[in-house]
């Protein structure tokens, strides 16, 4: 059974930082591209950032470029999202997702991904 379990969410002040982690199990982690999505109240779910199976290729939404960094540790079967310079509009539930792919492309659509986690809440207060 595939499981993606996010952790690290919480409450942070504007300008602060948070690091989200996603632990993967039940899948051959090195054959999956990984990504983070988020959904704010009343808004559609959106792609945040992702990286290819080998970590060589990364892609970010314009809204987080330069502030967020996605990384992966294939030995630990984990992917992380480092979030810096947080803004109130970053408040959302953040989801980890896995996509079976050995290409260097990073999919940006929710339905591109085979598995998703349950999400972790990030709240940025002003």
Foldseek 3Di string as FASTA:
>chain_A
DKAWDKDWADEAAAQAKTKMKIAIDDDQQLQKKKFKWWDDPPDDIWTAKTWASVRPAIDGDPVQPPFWDWDDDSVRRMIMIIGGRDDQVVWTWMKMFIARHRDGDDDTDPVNTDDMHPTDTHGYHD
